[in-house]
N, C-alpha and C. Protein backbone atom coordinates (compact mmCIF):
# COMPACT_ATOMS: atom_id res chain seq x y z
N MET A 1 46.41 31.10 -0.20
CA MET A 1 47.63 30.42 -0.45
C MET A 1 47.33 29.06 -1.04
N THR A 2 48.06 28.81 -2.01
CA THR A 2 47.84 27.54 -2.67
C THR A 2 48.94 26.56 -2.30
N GLU A 3 48.50 25.40 -2.15
CA GLU A 3 49.47 24.36 -1.83
C GLU A 3 49.77 23.58 -3.09
N THR A 4 50.93 23.24 -3.27
CA THR A 4 51.29 22.43 -4.42
C THR A 4 51.27 20.98 -4.01
N LYS A 5 50.79 20.22 -4.92
CA LYS A 5 50.73 18.79 -4.65
C LYS A 5 52.07 18.16 -4.95
N LYS A 6 52.38 17.28 -4.12
CA LYS A 6 53.63 16.57 -4.34
C LYS A 6 53.33 15.35 -5.18
N THR A 7 54.07 15.16 -6.18
CA THR A 7 53.89 13.97 -7.01
C THR A 7 54.71 12.84 -6.43
N ARG A 8 54.04 11.75 -6.34
CA ARG A 8 54.73 10.59 -5.80
C ARG A 8 55.17 9.71 -6.95
N ALA A 9 56.22 9.14 -6.78
CA ALA A 9 56.69 8.19 -7.76
C ALA A 9 56.08 6.85 -7.41
N LYS A 10 55.58 6.23 -8.45
CA LYS A 10 54.97 4.93 -8.21
C LYS A 10 56.06 3.92 -7.94
N GLY A 11 55.84 3.28 -6.89
CA GLY A 11 56.83 2.28 -6.50
C GLY A 11 56.40 0.90 -6.98
N PRO A 12 57.24 0.00 -6.97
CA PRO A 12 56.94 -1.35 -7.44
C PRO A 12 56.08 -2.13 -6.45
N GLY A 13 55.76 -1.56 -5.33
CA GLY A 13 55.06 -2.29 -4.27
C GLY A 13 53.68 -2.80 -4.65
N LYS A 14 52.78 -1.93 -5.04
CA LYS A 14 51.38 -2.33 -5.25
C LYS A 14 51.22 -3.19 -6.50
N SER A 15 51.77 -2.80 -7.60
CA SER A 15 51.59 -3.55 -8.83
C SER A 15 52.24 -4.93 -8.74
N THR A 16 53.32 -5.01 -8.01
CA THR A 16 53.99 -6.29 -7.84
C THR A 16 53.12 -7.21 -6.99
N GLN A 17 52.45 -6.63 -5.98
CA GLN A 17 51.58 -7.45 -5.14
C GLN A 17 50.41 -7.99 -5.95
N LYS A 18 49.84 -7.12 -6.82
CA LYS A 18 48.71 -7.56 -7.65
C LYS A 18 49.13 -8.67 -8.58
N ALA A 19 50.26 -8.54 -9.19
CA ALA A 19 50.74 -9.56 -10.11
C ALA A 19 50.96 -10.88 -9.38
N ASP A 20 51.49 -10.81 -8.18
CA ASP A 20 51.72 -12.02 -7.41
C ASP A 20 50.40 -12.72 -7.07
N LEU A 21 49.37 -11.94 -6.71
CA LEU A 21 48.07 -12.53 -6.39
C LEU A 21 47.46 -13.21 -7.61
N VAL A 22 47.59 -12.56 -8.76
CA VAL A 22 47.04 -13.14 -9.98
C VAL A 22 47.76 -14.43 -10.33
N GLU A 23 49.07 -14.43 -10.19
CA GLU A 23 49.83 -15.63 -10.48
C GLU A 23 49.47 -16.77 -9.53
N MET A 24 49.26 -16.44 -8.29
CA MET A 24 48.90 -17.47 -7.31
C MET A 24 47.53 -18.06 -7.64
N ALA A 25 46.58 -17.19 -8.00
CA ALA A 25 45.24 -17.68 -8.34
C ALA A 25 45.29 -18.55 -9.59
N ALA A 26 46.08 -18.12 -10.58
CA ALA A 26 46.18 -18.89 -11.82
C ALA A 26 46.81 -20.25 -11.55
N ALA A 27 47.79 -20.29 -10.68
CA ALA A 27 48.45 -21.55 -10.37
C ALA A 27 47.48 -22.51 -9.69
N SER A 28 46.68 -22.00 -8.75
CA SER A 28 45.75 -22.90 -8.06
C SER A 28 44.66 -23.39 -9.01
N VAL A 29 44.24 -22.54 -9.94
CA VAL A 29 43.23 -22.97 -10.93
C VAL A 29 43.82 -24.03 -11.85
N ALA A 30 45.05 -23.86 -12.25
CA ALA A 30 45.70 -24.83 -13.13
C ALA A 30 45.84 -26.18 -12.43
N GLU A 31 46.18 -26.17 -11.15
CA GLU A 31 46.30 -27.41 -10.39
C GLU A 31 44.95 -28.11 -10.27
N ALA A 32 43.91 -27.32 -10.03
CA ALA A 32 42.57 -27.90 -9.91
C ALA A 32 42.12 -28.50 -11.24
N ALA A 33 42.44 -27.82 -12.34
CA ALA A 33 42.06 -28.33 -13.66
C ALA A 33 42.77 -29.64 -13.96
N GLU A 34 44.05 -29.74 -13.59
CA GLU A 34 44.80 -30.98 -13.81
C GLU A 34 44.20 -32.11 -12.99
N THR A 35 43.80 -31.81 -11.77
CA THR A 35 43.22 -32.83 -10.90
C THR A 35 41.92 -33.34 -11.48
N VAL A 36 41.13 -32.44 -12.02
CA VAL A 36 39.84 -32.83 -12.59
C VAL A 36 40.04 -33.69 -13.83
N THR A 37 40.99 -33.34 -14.68
CA THR A 37 41.21 -34.12 -15.91
C THR A 37 41.82 -35.48 -15.62
N GLN A 38 42.58 -35.60 -14.53
CA GLN A 38 43.21 -36.87 -14.21
C GLN A 38 42.27 -37.84 -13.50
N THR A 39 41.25 -37.33 -12.86
CA THR A 39 40.35 -38.23 -12.13
C THR A 39 39.44 -38.96 -13.08
N LYS A 40 39.11 -40.15 -12.71
CA LYS A 40 38.19 -40.97 -13.51
C LYS A 40 36.79 -40.76 -12.96
N PRO A 41 35.80 -40.80 -13.81
CA PRO A 41 34.43 -40.65 -13.30
C PRO A 41 34.08 -41.82 -12.39
N ALA A 42 33.34 -41.51 -11.37
CA ALA A 42 32.93 -42.54 -10.42
C ALA A 42 31.96 -43.49 -11.11
N SER A 43 32.10 -44.72 -10.75
CA SER A 43 31.19 -45.69 -11.36
C SER A 43 29.82 -45.53 -10.70
N GLN A 44 28.84 -45.38 -11.53
CA GLN A 44 27.48 -45.20 -11.04
C GLN A 44 26.72 -46.49 -11.24
N ALA A 45 25.90 -46.77 -10.29
CA ALA A 45 25.06 -47.94 -10.45
C ALA A 45 24.07 -47.64 -11.56
N GLU A 46 24.08 -48.47 -12.54
CA GLU A 46 23.23 -48.22 -13.68
C GLU A 46 21.78 -48.53 -13.33
N ALA A 47 20.95 -47.53 -13.55
CA ALA A 47 19.52 -47.73 -13.32
C ALA A 47 18.96 -48.42 -14.55
N PRO A 48 18.22 -49.45 -14.33
CA PRO A 48 17.67 -50.15 -15.49
C PRO A 48 16.72 -49.20 -16.24
N ALA A 49 17.02 -49.03 -17.48
CA ALA A 49 16.21 -48.14 -18.30
C ALA A 49 14.95 -48.88 -18.71
N LYS A 50 13.84 -48.29 -18.34
CA LYS A 50 12.57 -48.91 -18.68
C LYS A 50 11.74 -47.88 -19.44
N PRO A 51 11.94 -47.79 -20.74
CA PRO A 51 11.18 -46.81 -21.50
C PRO A 51 9.69 -47.12 -21.53
N VAL A 52 9.37 -48.37 -21.31
CA VAL A 52 7.95 -48.74 -21.32
C VAL A 52 7.25 -48.07 -20.14
N GLU A 53 7.89 -48.08 -18.96
CA GLU A 53 7.29 -47.45 -17.80
C GLU A 53 7.18 -45.94 -17.99
N ALA A 54 8.19 -45.32 -18.56
CA ALA A 54 8.15 -43.87 -18.79
C ALA A 54 7.02 -43.53 -19.77
N ALA A 55 6.88 -44.33 -20.80
CA ALA A 55 5.81 -44.08 -21.76
C ALA A 55 4.44 -44.27 -21.12
N ALA A 56 4.34 -45.27 -20.25
CA ALA A 56 3.07 -45.51 -19.56
C ALA A 56 2.75 -44.37 -18.61
N LEU A 57 3.77 -43.89 -17.90
CA LEU A 57 3.56 -42.75 -17.00
C LEU A 57 3.13 -41.51 -17.78
N PHE A 58 3.78 -41.29 -18.90
CA PHE A 58 3.45 -40.13 -19.73
C PHE A 58 2.02 -40.24 -20.26
N ALA A 59 1.65 -41.43 -20.70
CA ALA A 59 0.29 -41.62 -21.21
C ALA A 59 -0.74 -41.44 -20.10
N SER A 60 -0.41 -41.92 -18.91
CA SER A 60 -1.31 -41.77 -17.77
C SER A 60 -1.46 -40.30 -17.39
N ALA A 61 -0.34 -39.57 -17.38
CA ALA A 61 -0.39 -38.14 -17.06
C ALA A 61 -1.19 -37.38 -18.11
N ARG A 62 -1.00 -37.75 -19.36
CA ARG A 62 -1.76 -37.09 -20.44
C ARG A 62 -3.26 -37.37 -20.29
N LYS A 63 -3.59 -38.61 -19.96
CA LYS A 63 -5.00 -38.98 -19.79
C LYS A 63 -5.63 -38.20 -18.64
N GLN A 64 -4.90 -38.09 -17.53
CA GLN A 64 -5.40 -37.33 -16.38
C GLN A 64 -5.53 -35.85 -16.72
N SER A 65 -4.57 -35.34 -17.45
CA SER A 65 -4.62 -33.93 -17.86
C SER A 65 -5.82 -33.67 -18.76
N ASP A 66 -6.07 -34.58 -19.69
CA ASP A 66 -7.23 -34.42 -20.57
C ASP A 66 -8.54 -34.52 -19.79
N ALA A 67 -8.58 -35.42 -18.82
CA ALA A 67 -9.79 -35.56 -17.99
C ALA A 67 -10.04 -34.29 -17.18
N LEU A 68 -8.97 -33.73 -16.60
CA LEU A 68 -9.12 -32.49 -15.83
C LEU A 68 -9.52 -31.32 -16.73
N ARG A 69 -8.93 -31.27 -17.92
CA ARG A 69 -9.27 -30.20 -18.86
C ARG A 69 -10.75 -30.29 -19.25
N LYS A 70 -11.22 -31.50 -19.50
CA LYS A 70 -12.63 -31.69 -19.85
C LYS A 70 -13.52 -31.32 -18.67
N ALA A 71 -13.13 -31.73 -17.46
CA ALA A 71 -13.92 -31.41 -16.27
C ALA A 71 -13.97 -29.90 -16.04
N MET A 72 -12.85 -29.21 -16.26
CA MET A 72 -12.84 -27.75 -16.11
C MET A 72 -13.76 -27.09 -17.13
N GLY A 73 -13.76 -27.59 -18.35
CA GLY A 73 -14.67 -27.05 -19.38
C GLY A 73 -16.12 -27.23 -19.00
N GLU A 74 -16.44 -28.43 -18.48
CA GLU A 74 -17.82 -28.69 -18.05
C GLU A 74 -18.18 -27.82 -16.85
N THR A 75 -17.22 -27.61 -15.96
CA THR A 75 -17.46 -26.77 -14.78
C THR A 75 -17.74 -25.34 -15.19
N VAL A 76 -16.97 -24.83 -16.13
CA VAL A 76 -17.17 -23.46 -16.60
C VAL A 76 -18.53 -23.32 -17.27
N ALA A 77 -18.90 -24.30 -18.09
CA ALA A 77 -20.20 -24.24 -18.77
C ALA A 77 -21.34 -24.29 -17.76
N ALA A 78 -21.24 -25.19 -16.78
CA ALA A 78 -22.30 -25.31 -15.77
C ALA A 78 -22.37 -24.05 -14.91
N SER A 79 -21.23 -23.48 -14.60
CA SER A 79 -21.21 -22.27 -13.79
C SER A 79 -21.82 -21.09 -14.54
N ALA A 80 -21.50 -20.97 -15.81
CA ALA A 80 -22.07 -19.88 -16.61
C ALA A 80 -23.59 -20.03 -16.72
N LYS A 81 -24.03 -21.24 -16.95
CA LYS A 81 -25.47 -21.49 -17.05
C LYS A 81 -26.17 -21.17 -15.73
N GLY A 82 -25.58 -21.60 -14.63
CA GLY A 82 -26.15 -21.33 -13.31
C GLY A 82 -26.18 -19.84 -12.99
N ALA A 83 -25.11 -19.15 -13.35
CA ALA A 83 -25.06 -17.70 -13.10
C ALA A 83 -26.13 -16.98 -13.88
N LEU A 84 -26.32 -17.37 -15.13
CA LEU A 84 -27.38 -16.75 -15.94
C LEU A 84 -28.76 -17.03 -15.35
N GLU A 85 -28.96 -18.24 -14.87
CA GLU A 85 -30.25 -18.59 -14.29
C GLU A 85 -30.52 -17.78 -13.02
N VAL A 86 -29.51 -17.67 -12.16
CA VAL A 86 -29.68 -16.90 -10.92
C VAL A 86 -29.88 -15.42 -11.23
N ASN A 87 -29.13 -14.88 -12.16
CA ASN A 87 -29.29 -13.47 -12.53
C ASN A 87 -30.69 -13.22 -13.09
N GLY A 88 -31.19 -14.13 -13.91
CA GLY A 88 -32.55 -13.98 -14.44
C GLY A 88 -33.60 -13.98 -13.34
N LYS A 89 -33.40 -14.86 -12.36
CA LYS A 89 -34.37 -14.92 -11.25
C LYS A 89 -34.29 -13.65 -10.39
N ILE A 90 -33.11 -13.12 -10.20
CA ILE A 90 -32.98 -11.88 -9.41
C ILE A 90 -33.66 -10.73 -10.13
N ILE A 91 -33.44 -10.65 -11.44
CA ILE A 91 -34.09 -9.57 -12.21
C ILE A 91 -35.61 -9.72 -12.15
N ASP A 92 -36.11 -10.95 -12.31
CA ASP A 92 -37.55 -11.18 -12.21
C ASP A 92 -38.08 -10.80 -10.83
N ALA A 93 -37.34 -11.16 -9.79
CA ALA A 93 -37.77 -10.85 -8.42
C ALA A 93 -37.83 -9.34 -8.21
N LEU A 94 -36.83 -8.64 -8.68
CA LEU A 94 -36.83 -7.18 -8.51
C LEU A 94 -37.96 -6.52 -9.29
N THR A 95 -38.24 -7.05 -10.47
CA THR A 95 -39.34 -6.51 -11.27
C THR A 95 -40.69 -6.73 -10.57
N VAL A 96 -40.90 -7.94 -10.10
CA VAL A 96 -42.16 -8.26 -9.41
C VAL A 96 -42.28 -7.45 -8.12
N GLN A 97 -41.17 -7.32 -7.40
CA GLN A 97 -41.23 -6.56 -6.15
C GLN A 97 -41.52 -5.09 -6.39
N SER A 98 -40.99 -4.53 -7.46
CA SER A 98 -41.30 -3.13 -7.75
C SER A 98 -42.77 -2.99 -8.15
N ASP A 99 -43.29 -3.96 -8.90
CA ASP A 99 -44.72 -3.92 -9.25
C ASP A 99 -45.60 -4.03 -8.00
N VAL A 100 -45.22 -4.91 -7.09
CA VAL A 100 -45.98 -5.07 -5.84
C VAL A 100 -45.90 -3.80 -5.00
N ALA A 101 -44.74 -3.16 -4.98
CA ALA A 101 -44.60 -1.91 -4.22
C ALA A 101 -45.48 -0.81 -4.80
N VAL A 102 -45.55 -0.75 -6.13
CA VAL A 102 -46.43 0.25 -6.77
C VAL A 102 -47.89 -0.05 -6.43
N ASP A 103 -48.28 -1.33 -6.47
CA ASP A 103 -49.65 -1.70 -6.09
C ASP A 103 -49.94 -1.33 -4.63
N LEU A 104 -48.94 -1.52 -3.77
CA LEU A 104 -49.10 -1.16 -2.36
C LEU A 104 -49.37 0.34 -2.21
N TRP A 105 -48.62 1.15 -2.92
CA TRP A 105 -48.83 2.60 -2.85
C TRP A 105 -50.16 3.00 -3.46
N ARG A 106 -50.53 2.33 -4.52
CA ARG A 106 -51.84 2.65 -5.13
C ARG A 106 -52.97 2.34 -4.15
N SER A 107 -52.86 1.21 -3.45
CA SER A 107 -53.92 0.86 -2.49
C SER A 107 -53.95 1.87 -1.34
N ALA A 108 -52.81 2.40 -0.98
CA ALA A 108 -52.76 3.36 0.11
C ALA A 108 -53.30 4.72 -0.31
N LEU A 109 -53.15 5.06 -1.57
CA LEU A 109 -53.56 6.39 -2.03
C LEU A 109 -54.98 6.45 -2.57
N ASN A 110 -55.62 5.31 -2.75
CA ASN A 110 -57.01 5.33 -3.24
C ASN A 110 -57.91 6.00 -2.19
N PRO A 111 -58.76 6.88 -2.68
CA PRO A 111 -59.69 7.51 -1.72
C PRO A 111 -60.75 6.51 -1.31
N SER A 112 -60.66 6.05 -0.11
CA SER A 112 -61.63 5.10 0.43
C SER A 112 -61.72 5.34 1.94
N PRO A 113 -62.72 4.80 2.56
CA PRO A 113 -62.82 4.96 4.02
C PRO A 113 -61.59 4.35 4.70
N LEU A 114 -61.27 4.89 5.83
CA LEU A 114 -60.07 4.50 6.56
C LEU A 114 -60.00 3.01 6.86
N PRO A 115 -61.05 2.33 7.33
CA PRO A 115 -60.92 0.90 7.61
C PRO A 115 -60.62 0.09 6.35
N GLU A 116 -61.22 0.45 5.22
CA GLU A 116 -60.95 -0.27 3.97
C GLU A 116 -59.53 0.02 3.49
N ALA A 117 -59.06 1.23 3.66
CA ALA A 117 -57.69 1.59 3.26
C ALA A 117 -56.68 0.80 4.08
N ILE A 118 -56.90 0.68 5.37
CA ILE A 118 -55.99 -0.08 6.22
C ILE A 118 -56.02 -1.56 5.83
N LYS A 119 -57.23 -2.07 5.56
CA LYS A 119 -57.36 -3.48 5.16
C LYS A 119 -56.64 -3.71 3.82
N ALA A 120 -56.83 -2.84 2.85
CA ALA A 120 -56.17 -2.97 1.54
C ALA A 120 -54.65 -2.85 1.68
N HIS A 121 -54.23 -1.92 2.51
CA HIS A 121 -52.79 -1.73 2.73
C HIS A 121 -52.17 -2.95 3.40
N SER A 122 -52.81 -3.51 4.40
CA SER A 122 -52.26 -4.69 5.07
C SER A 122 -52.27 -5.90 4.14
N HIS A 123 -53.31 -6.02 3.30
CA HIS A 123 -53.36 -7.12 2.33
C HIS A 123 -52.22 -6.97 1.32
N ALA A 124 -52.01 -5.78 0.80
CA ALA A 124 -50.94 -5.55 -0.18
C ALA A 124 -49.57 -5.78 0.46
N THR A 125 -49.41 -5.40 1.71
CA THR A 125 -48.14 -5.62 2.41
C THR A 125 -47.87 -7.11 2.59
N ARG A 126 -48.89 -7.86 2.95
CA ARG A 126 -48.74 -9.30 3.12
C ARG A 126 -48.38 -9.96 1.80
N VAL A 127 -49.07 -9.56 0.73
CA VAL A 127 -48.77 -10.11 -0.61
C VAL A 127 -47.33 -9.80 -1.00
N ALA A 128 -46.90 -8.57 -0.73
CA ALA A 128 -45.53 -8.17 -1.07
C ALA A 128 -44.51 -9.02 -0.29
N TYR A 129 -44.76 -9.22 0.98
CA TYR A 129 -43.86 -10.02 1.81
C TYR A 129 -43.82 -11.47 1.35
N GLU A 130 -44.98 -12.05 1.11
CA GLU A 130 -45.02 -13.46 0.68
C GLU A 130 -44.34 -13.64 -0.67
N THR A 131 -44.59 -12.71 -1.57
CA THR A 131 -43.97 -12.79 -2.90
C THR A 131 -42.45 -12.68 -2.79
N ALA A 132 -41.99 -11.70 -2.03
CA ALA A 132 -40.54 -11.50 -1.89
C ALA A 132 -39.88 -12.69 -1.22
N SER A 133 -40.48 -13.21 -0.15
CA SER A 133 -39.85 -14.33 0.54
C SER A 133 -39.83 -15.59 -0.33
N ALA A 134 -40.89 -15.81 -1.10
CA ALA A 134 -40.90 -16.98 -2.00
C ALA A 134 -39.84 -16.84 -3.09
N GLN A 135 -39.71 -15.63 -3.63
CA GLN A 135 -38.72 -15.43 -4.70
C GLN A 135 -37.29 -15.56 -4.18
N TRP A 136 -37.01 -14.98 -3.03
CA TRP A 136 -35.65 -15.07 -2.50
C TRP A 136 -35.31 -16.48 -2.03
N LYS A 137 -36.30 -17.22 -1.59
CA LYS A 137 -36.08 -18.63 -1.25
C LYS A 137 -35.73 -19.41 -2.52
N ASP A 138 -36.45 -19.13 -3.60
CA ASP A 138 -36.18 -19.78 -4.88
C ASP A 138 -34.78 -19.41 -5.38
N ILE A 139 -34.41 -18.15 -5.21
CA ILE A 139 -33.07 -17.71 -5.64
C ILE A 139 -31.99 -18.42 -4.82
N ALA A 140 -32.21 -18.57 -3.52
CA ALA A 140 -31.23 -19.26 -2.67
C ALA A 140 -31.10 -20.73 -3.08
N GLU A 141 -32.21 -21.39 -3.36
CA GLU A 141 -32.16 -22.79 -3.80
C GLU A 141 -31.47 -22.92 -5.14
N THR A 142 -31.76 -21.99 -6.05
CA THR A 142 -31.12 -22.02 -7.37
C THR A 142 -29.63 -21.79 -7.25
N THR A 143 -29.22 -20.90 -6.34
CA THR A 143 -27.79 -20.64 -6.14
C THR A 143 -27.10 -21.88 -5.59
N ALA A 144 -27.70 -22.55 -4.64
CA ALA A 144 -27.12 -23.79 -4.09
C ALA A 144 -27.00 -24.85 -5.18
N LEU A 145 -28.03 -24.97 -6.00
CA LEU A 145 -28.00 -25.93 -7.10
C LEU A 145 -26.92 -25.56 -8.12
N TRP A 146 -26.79 -24.27 -8.36
CA TRP A 146 -25.76 -23.77 -9.29
C TRP A 146 -24.37 -24.21 -8.82
N PHE A 147 -24.05 -24.00 -7.55
CA PHE A 147 -22.73 -24.39 -7.05
C PHE A 147 -22.55 -25.90 -7.05
N THR A 148 -23.60 -26.63 -6.73
CA THR A 148 -23.50 -28.09 -6.75
C THR A 148 -23.23 -28.60 -8.16
N ARG A 149 -23.98 -28.09 -9.12
CA ARG A 149 -23.78 -28.52 -10.51
C ARG A 149 -22.43 -28.08 -11.05
N SER A 150 -21.96 -26.94 -10.59
CA SER A 150 -20.66 -26.44 -11.07
C SER A 150 -19.51 -27.31 -10.58
N LEU A 151 -19.63 -27.85 -9.39
CA LEU A 151 -18.53 -28.64 -8.82
C LEU A 151 -18.60 -30.13 -9.14
N GLU A 152 -19.74 -30.60 -9.64
CA GLU A 152 -19.88 -32.03 -9.94
C GLU A 152 -18.84 -32.54 -10.93
N PRO A 153 -18.57 -31.87 -12.06
CA PRO A 153 -17.56 -32.41 -12.98
C PRO A 153 -16.18 -32.53 -12.34
N LEU A 154 -15.79 -31.55 -11.54
CA LEU A 154 -14.48 -31.63 -10.90
C LEU A 154 -14.44 -32.76 -9.86
N GLN A 155 -15.50 -32.90 -9.10
CA GLN A 155 -15.54 -33.97 -8.12
C GLN A 155 -15.44 -35.33 -8.78
N SER A 156 -16.16 -35.52 -9.87
CA SER A 156 -16.11 -36.82 -10.54
C SER A 156 -14.73 -37.05 -11.16
N ALA A 157 -14.09 -36.00 -11.66
CA ALA A 157 -12.75 -36.14 -12.24
C ALA A 157 -11.74 -36.53 -11.16
N PHE A 158 -11.84 -35.91 -10.01
CA PHE A 158 -10.90 -36.24 -8.93
C PHE A 158 -11.16 -37.62 -8.35
N GLN A 159 -12.42 -38.03 -8.31
CA GLN A 159 -12.75 -39.35 -7.79
C GLN A 159 -12.22 -40.44 -8.72
N THR A 160 -12.33 -40.24 -10.03
CA THR A 160 -11.83 -41.25 -10.97
C THR A 160 -10.32 -41.30 -10.96
N GLN A 161 -9.65 -40.18 -10.68
CA GLN A 161 -8.19 -40.19 -10.61
C GLN A 161 -7.70 -40.89 -9.36
N GLY A 162 -8.48 -40.79 -8.29
CA GLY A 162 -8.08 -41.42 -7.03
C GLY A 162 -8.14 -42.93 -7.08
N ARG A 163 -8.88 -43.47 -7.99
CA ARG A 163 -9.03 -44.93 -8.07
C ARG A 163 -7.88 -45.60 -8.74
């Protein structure tokens, strides 16, 4: 079974209410606009214009910016140089350590009497340890120097700005 829809006649109720709301809003906006146009701007205390101070501040900011830019450039250059130096030392250390390890195995595999083999093996082990510890100590010192040199330009730039 189908139900038929009843058509309703639109009454003046809803559209009249909408029109009234719009008219009310327009009236309040018009009143606010009139109030704004009729009011006089408040008198403001005039700040003394000192273009000389503004220009001096701008020049000072530009000088500081240039100093920081230069310090950052020097920092990047020092950091790149330090990184290359540390990387070179690490590669050298690994190369020397691999050579020492090969020498250690050669001394262990040489056909010789057992006491001489043990003596050669312990000597090669000691040499390998001393070489590795000296190289890694050098790498640690170089890394510390790298960071110190990298931060020096920034430190000096900040110290001169603080004065």
